[in-house]
Amino acid sequence: MATGNPYETPNVSHSITPSRRTVTVKRLDVMSCGVMLGVLYAIIGLFVGGLVTLMALGGMAAQGGDAMAGLIGGIGAIILMPLFYGFGGFIGGVIGALLYNLCATFVGGIKFDLE
């Protein structure tokens, strides 16, 4: 039998259905949300920067222009897009967490069922 620990598996062999527990997220850590979304958006910005680089090189090749100019613009996109996306994601994560915390004080937060 369990010794008071709610996370310990009971020693009952006929217990097939897992127990459910409802938890409520009442507050989010603002900085952790900002950092998490900043990193996530920086990764997305890296992919977008890669696509912009391919389009810049393709456009320069199609026009018969200087490929070096397309390459320089593309490398700039690979460097700048993750920075801009990451900064925007960080700011958005901080603002989103602050708004969630404000709303959760009035409505109580989001409930989750855990098994």
N, C-alpha and C. Protein backbone atom coordinates (compact mmCIF):
# COMPACT_ATOMS: atom_id res chain seq x y z
N MET A 1 0.85 -1.18 0.00
CA MET A 1 0.00 0.00 0.00
C MET A 1 0.89 1.24 0.00
N ALA A 2 0.40 2.30 -0.53
CA ALA A 2 1.14 3.55 -0.62
C ALA A 2 1.38 4.12 0.77
N THR A 3 2.51 4.78 0.92
CA THR A 3 2.88 5.32 2.23
C THR A 3 2.64 6.82 2.30
N GLY A 4 1.55 7.29 1.75
CA GLY A 4 1.23 8.71 1.83
C GLY A 4 1.77 9.52 0.66
N ASN A 5 2.55 8.93 -0.22
CA ASN A 5 3.08 9.62 -1.37
C ASN A 5 2.06 9.51 -2.51
N PRO A 6 1.48 10.62 -2.97
CA PRO A 6 0.45 10.53 -4.01
C PRO A 6 1.00 10.09 -5.37
N TYR A 7 2.32 10.12 -5.55
CA TYR A 7 2.92 9.74 -6.82
C TYR A 7 3.39 8.30 -6.84
N GLU A 8 3.31 7.61 -5.71
CA GLU A 8 3.76 6.23 -5.63
C GLU A 8 2.69 5.30 -6.20
N THR A 9 3.13 4.31 -6.96
CA THR A 9 2.20 3.34 -7.56
C THR A 9 1.68 2.41 -6.47
N PRO A 10 0.37 2.25 -6.37
CA PRO A 10 -0.16 1.34 -5.35
C PRO A 10 0.14 -0.11 -5.69
N ASN A 11 0.26 -0.95 -4.68
CA ASN A 11 0.56 -2.37 -4.86
C ASN A 11 -0.69 -3.20 -5.01
N VAL A 12 -1.70 -2.66 -5.66
CA VAL A 12 -2.95 -3.37 -5.85
C VAL A 12 -2.94 -3.95 -7.25
N SER A 13 -3.07 -5.29 -7.36
CA SER A 13 -2.95 -5.93 -8.67
C SER A 13 -4.19 -5.73 -9.53
N HIS A 14 -5.35 -5.48 -8.94
CA HIS A 14 -6.56 -5.33 -9.73
C HIS A 14 -6.81 -3.88 -10.17
N SER A 15 -5.93 -2.97 -9.85
CA SER A 15 -6.07 -1.58 -10.25
C SER A 15 -5.55 -1.42 -11.68
N ILE A 16 -6.46 -1.50 -12.66
CA ILE A 16 -6.08 -1.40 -14.07
C ILE A 16 -6.18 0.04 -14.55
N THR A 17 -7.20 0.76 -14.15
CA THR A 17 -7.38 2.14 -14.60
C THR A 17 -6.48 3.06 -13.78
N PRO A 18 -5.71 3.88 -14.48
CA PRO A 18 -4.87 4.83 -13.74
C PRO A 18 -5.72 5.91 -13.08
N SER A 19 -5.26 6.39 -11.97
CA SER A 19 -6.01 7.44 -11.27
C SER A 19 -5.76 8.77 -11.97
N ARG A 20 -6.76 9.61 -11.92
CA ARG A 20 -6.65 10.94 -12.52
C ARG A 20 -6.53 11.97 -11.42
N ARG A 21 -5.82 13.01 -11.74
CA ARG A 21 -5.63 14.10 -10.81
C ARG A 21 -5.77 15.40 -11.57
N THR A 22 -6.51 16.33 -11.03
CA THR A 22 -6.68 17.63 -11.67
C THR A 22 -5.77 18.65 -11.00
N VAL A 23 -4.96 19.32 -11.80
CA VAL A 23 -4.10 20.39 -11.30
C VAL A 23 -4.45 21.67 -12.03
N THR A 24 -4.20 22.78 -11.39
CA THR A 24 -4.51 24.09 -11.96
C THR A 24 -3.23 24.90 -12.07
N VAL A 25 -2.97 25.43 -13.26
CA VAL A 25 -1.83 26.33 -13.46
C VAL A 25 -2.31 27.73 -13.12
N LYS A 26 -1.89 28.22 -11.98
CA LYS A 26 -2.35 29.53 -11.51
C LYS A 26 -1.38 30.65 -11.85
N ARG A 27 -0.12 30.31 -12.10
CA ARG A 27 0.88 31.34 -12.36
C ARG A 27 1.98 30.76 -13.25
N LEU A 28 2.47 31.56 -14.18
CA LEU A 28 3.59 31.18 -15.03
C LEU A 28 4.80 32.02 -14.65
N ASP A 29 5.97 31.41 -14.69
CA ASP A 29 7.20 32.17 -14.47
C ASP A 29 7.48 32.99 -15.72
N VAL A 30 7.51 34.28 -15.56
CA VAL A 30 7.59 35.20 -16.70
C VAL A 30 8.90 35.02 -17.47
N MET A 31 10.02 34.95 -16.78
CA MET A 31 11.30 34.84 -17.47
C MET A 31 11.46 33.49 -18.16
N SER A 32 10.96 32.42 -17.54
CA SER A 32 11.11 31.12 -18.18
C SER A 32 10.26 31.05 -19.45
N CYS A 33 9.09 31.66 -19.45
CA CYS A 33 8.28 31.72 -20.68
C CYS A 33 8.97 32.55 -21.74
N GLY A 34 9.56 33.66 -21.34
CA GLY A 34 10.27 34.51 -22.30
C GLY A 34 11.46 33.81 -22.92
N VAL A 35 12.26 33.13 -22.09
CA VAL A 35 13.44 32.42 -22.61
C VAL A 35 13.01 31.26 -23.51
N MET A 36 12.01 30.50 -23.08
CA MET A 36 11.55 29.36 -23.87
C MET A 36 11.06 29.81 -25.25
N LEU A 37 10.21 30.81 -25.30
CA LEU A 37 9.71 31.29 -26.58
C LEU A 37 10.80 31.99 -27.39
N GLY A 38 11.73 32.65 -26.72
CA GLY A 38 12.85 33.27 -27.43
C GLY A 38 13.69 32.24 -28.16
N VAL A 39 14.00 31.13 -27.50
CA VAL A 39 14.79 30.08 -28.14
C VAL A 39 13.99 29.41 -29.26
N LEU A 40 12.72 29.14 -28.99
CA LEU A 40 11.87 28.50 -30.01
C LEU A 40 11.78 29.37 -31.26
N TYR A 41 11.55 30.65 -31.08
CA TYR A 41 11.42 31.54 -32.23
C TYR A 41 12.77 31.77 -32.92
N ALA A 42 13.87 31.71 -32.19
CA ALA A 42 15.19 31.83 -32.83
C ALA A 42 15.43 30.63 -33.75
N ILE A 43 15.00 29.44 -33.33
CA ILE A 43 15.13 28.26 -34.19
C ILE A 43 14.26 28.42 -35.43
N ILE A 44 13.05 28.92 -35.25
CA ILE A 44 12.18 29.16 -36.40
C ILE A 44 12.81 30.22 -37.32
N GLY A 45 13.41 31.25 -36.73
CA GLY A 45 14.08 32.29 -37.51
C GLY A 45 15.25 31.76 -38.30
N LEU A 46 15.93 30.74 -37.77
CA LEU A 46 17.03 30.13 -38.51
C LEU A 46 16.51 29.45 -39.77
N PHE A 47 15.39 28.74 -39.66
CA PHE A 47 14.80 28.11 -40.84
C PHE A 47 14.31 29.15 -41.84
N VAL A 48 13.68 30.21 -41.35
CA VAL A 48 13.20 31.27 -42.24
C VAL A 48 14.37 31.96 -42.92
N GLY A 49 15.44 32.20 -42.16
CA GLY A 49 16.64 32.80 -42.75
C GLY A 49 17.24 31.92 -43.84
N GLY A 50 17.22 30.61 -43.63
CA GLY A 50 17.70 29.69 -44.66
C GLY A 50 16.85 29.75 -45.92
N LEU A 51 15.53 29.84 -45.74
CA LEU A 51 14.64 29.97 -46.90
C LEU A 51 14.87 31.28 -47.64
N VAL A 52 15.07 32.36 -46.90
CA VAL A 52 15.34 33.67 -47.53
C VAL A 52 16.65 33.60 -48.30
N THR A 53 17.64 32.91 -47.75
CA THR A 53 18.92 32.76 -48.44
C THR A 53 18.75 32.01 -49.75
N LEU A 54 17.99 30.92 -49.71
CA LEU A 54 17.74 30.16 -50.94
C LEU A 54 17.00 31.00 -51.98
N MET A 55 16.03 31.77 -51.53
CA MET A 55 15.29 32.63 -52.47
C MET A 55 16.17 33.73 -53.03
N ALA A 56 17.05 34.29 -52.20
CA ALA A 56 17.95 35.34 -52.69
C ALA A 56 18.92 34.78 -53.73
N LEU A 57 19.46 33.60 -53.45
CA LEU A 57 20.38 33.00 -54.43
C LEU A 57 19.66 32.60 -55.70
N GLY A 58 18.44 32.06 -55.56
CA GLY A 58 17.65 31.69 -56.73
C GLY A 58 17.27 32.90 -57.56
N GLY A 59 16.92 33.98 -56.91
CA GLY A 59 16.56 35.21 -57.62
C GLY A 59 17.74 35.79 -58.37
N MET A 60 18.90 35.76 -57.73
CA MET A 60 20.09 36.28 -58.40
C MET A 60 20.49 35.40 -59.58
N ALA A 61 20.34 34.09 -59.41
CA ALA A 61 20.68 33.18 -60.51
C ALA A 61 19.70 33.33 -61.67
N ALA A 62 18.43 33.55 -61.37
CA ALA A 62 17.41 33.70 -62.42
C ALA A 62 17.62 34.99 -63.21
N GLN A 63 18.07 36.03 -62.53
CA GLN A 63 18.27 37.31 -63.22
C GLN A 63 19.64 37.41 -63.86
N GLY A 64 20.50 36.47 -63.54
CA GLY A 64 21.85 36.53 -64.09
C GLY A 64 22.70 37.57 -63.40
N GLY A 65 22.31 37.95 -62.20
CA GLY A 65 23.05 38.98 -61.46
C GLY A 65 24.23 38.38 -60.73
N ASP A 66 24.81 39.21 -59.91
CA ASP A 66 25.98 38.81 -59.13
C ASP A 66 25.55 37.87 -58.01
N ALA A 67 26.03 36.64 -58.05
CA ALA A 67 25.67 35.66 -57.02
C ALA A 67 26.24 36.04 -55.66
N MET A 68 27.34 36.79 -55.66
CA MET A 68 27.95 37.18 -54.38
C MET A 68 27.03 38.12 -53.60
N ALA A 69 26.32 39.00 -54.30
CA ALA A 69 25.38 39.89 -53.62
C ALA A 69 24.24 39.10 -52.99
N GLY A 70 23.74 38.10 -53.71
CA GLY A 70 22.70 37.24 -53.16
C GLY A 70 23.20 36.45 -51.97
N LEU A 71 24.45 36.00 -52.03
CA LEU A 71 25.03 35.23 -50.94
C LEU A 71 25.21 36.11 -49.70
N ILE A 72 25.66 37.33 -49.89
CA ILE A 72 25.85 38.24 -48.76
C ILE A 72 24.50 38.56 -48.11
N GLY A 73 23.49 38.84 -48.95
CA GLY A 73 22.16 39.10 -48.40
C GLY A 73 21.59 37.88 -47.70
N GLY A 74 21.84 36.71 -48.24
CA GLY A 74 21.35 35.48 -47.63
C GLY A 74 22.03 35.18 -46.30
N ILE A 75 23.35 35.38 -46.24
CA ILE A 75 24.06 35.17 -44.98
C ILE A 75 23.59 36.17 -43.95
N GLY A 76 23.33 37.40 -44.38
CA GLY A 76 22.77 38.39 -43.45
C GLY A 76 21.42 37.93 -42.91
N ALA A 77 20.61 37.30 -43.77
CA ALA A 77 19.31 36.79 -43.32
C ALA A 77 19.48 35.66 -42.32
N ILE A 78 20.47 34.78 -42.54
CA ILE A 78 20.69 33.67 -41.61
C ILE A 78 21.15 34.18 -40.25
N ILE A 79 21.84 35.30 -40.23
CA ILE A 79 22.32 35.85 -38.95
C ILE A 79 21.24 36.72 -38.29
N LEU A 80 20.60 37.59 -39.08
CA LEU A 80 19.66 38.55 -38.50
C LEU A 80 18.29 37.97 -38.16
N MET A 81 17.78 37.06 -38.98
CA MET A 81 16.43 36.51 -38.74
C MET A 81 16.33 35.81 -37.39
N PRO A 82 17.28 34.92 -37.01
CA PRO A 82 17.16 34.31 -35.68
C PRO A 82 17.25 35.32 -34.54
N LEU A 83 18.06 36.37 -34.75
CA LEU A 83 18.16 37.40 -33.70
C LEU A 83 16.83 38.15 -33.55
N PHE A 84 16.26 38.58 -34.67
CA PHE A 84 14.99 39.30 -34.60
C PHE A 84 13.86 38.41 -34.11
N TYR A 85 13.78 37.20 -34.65
CA TYR A 85 12.73 36.28 -34.22
C TYR A 85 12.89 35.93 -32.74
N GLY A 86 14.13 35.67 -32.30
CA GLY A 86 14.37 35.33 -30.90
C GLY A 86 14.01 36.46 -29.96
N PHE A 87 14.38 37.69 -30.33
CA PHE A 87 14.04 38.84 -29.49
C PHE A 87 12.53 39.04 -29.45
N GLY A 88 11.87 38.93 -30.61
CA GLY A 88 10.42 39.06 -30.64
C GLY A 88 9.72 37.96 -29.85
N GLY A 89 10.24 36.73 -29.94
CA GLY A 89 9.67 35.63 -29.16
C GLY A 89 9.83 35.83 -27.67
N PHE A 90 11.00 36.35 -27.25
CA PHE A 90 11.23 36.63 -25.84
C PHE A 90 10.24 37.68 -25.32
N ILE A 91 10.11 38.78 -26.05
CA ILE A 91 9.19 39.84 -25.64
C ILE A 91 7.76 39.32 -25.64
N GLY A 92 7.38 38.56 -26.66
CA GLY A 92 6.04 37.99 -26.71
C GLY A 92 5.78 37.01 -25.58
N GLY A 93 6.78 36.20 -25.22
CA GLY A 93 6.64 35.26 -24.11
C GLY A 93 6.47 35.96 -22.78
N VAL A 94 7.23 37.03 -22.57
CA VAL A 94 7.12 37.80 -21.33
C VAL A 94 5.74 38.46 -21.23
N ILE A 95 5.32 39.10 -22.31
CA ILE A 95 4.01 39.77 -22.31
C ILE A 95 2.88 38.74 -22.14
N GLY A 96 3.00 37.60 -22.84
CA GLY A 96 1.99 36.55 -22.73
C GLY A 96 1.88 35.99 -21.32
N ALA A 97 3.03 35.76 -20.67
CA ALA A 97 3.03 35.24 -19.29
C ALA A 97 2.45 36.27 -18.32
N LEU A 98 2.79 37.53 -18.53
CA LEU A 98 2.23 38.57 -17.66
C LEU A 98 0.71 38.66 -17.81
N LEU A 99 0.24 38.59 -19.05
CA LEU A 99 -1.20 38.62 -19.28
C LEU A 99 -1.89 37.38 -18.71
N TYR A 100 -1.25 36.22 -18.85
CA TYR A 100 -1.82 35.00 -18.27
C TYR A 100 -1.92 35.13 -16.75
N ASN A 101 -0.85 35.61 -16.11
CA ASN A 101 -0.87 35.76 -14.66
C ASN A 101 -1.96 36.73 -14.21
N LEU A 102 -2.15 37.80 -14.98
CA LEU A 102 -3.19 38.77 -14.65
C LEU A 102 -4.57 38.14 -14.78
N CYS A 103 -4.81 37.44 -15.89
CA CYS A 103 -6.12 36.80 -16.10
C CYS A 103 -6.36 35.67 -15.11
N ALA A 104 -5.32 34.94 -14.75
CA ALA A 104 -5.48 33.80 -13.84
C ALA A 104 -5.88 34.26 -12.44
N THR A 105 -5.53 35.50 -12.07
CA THR A 105 -5.97 35.98 -10.75
C THR A 105 -7.48 36.18 -10.71
N PHE A 106 -8.09 36.44 -11.87
CA PHE A 106 -9.53 36.65 -11.91
C PHE A 106 -10.31 35.36 -12.13
N VAL A 107 -9.83 34.49 -13.01
CA VAL A 107 -10.59 33.29 -13.37
C VAL A 107 -10.05 32.01 -12.75
N GLY A 108 -8.89 32.05 -12.13
CA GLY A 108 -8.38 30.89 -11.42
C GLY A 108 -7.36 30.06 -12.17
N GLY A 109 -7.13 30.27 -13.44
CA GLY A 109 -6.11 29.51 -14.16
C GLY A 109 -6.70 28.44 -15.05
N ILE A 110 -5.82 27.62 -15.62
CA ILE A 110 -6.21 26.54 -16.51
C ILE A 110 -6.09 25.23 -15.76
N LYS A 111 -7.13 24.38 -15.87
CA LYS A 111 -7.12 23.09 -15.20
C LYS A 111 -6.65 22.01 -16.17
N PHE A 112 -5.82 21.09 -15.66
CA PHE A 112 -5.33 19.94 -16.42
C PHE A 112 -5.67 18.68 -15.67
N ASP A 113 -6.04 17.64 -16.41
CA ASP A 113 -6.22 16.31 -15.83
C ASP A 113 -4.94 15.52 -16.11
N LEU A 114 -4.31 15.04 -15.07
CA LEU A 114 -3.08 14.24 -15.21
C LEU A 114 -3.38 12.81 -14.81
N GLU A 115 -2.74 11.89 -15.49
CA GLU A 115 -2.87 10.47 -15.13
C GLU A 115 -1.57 9.99 -14.54
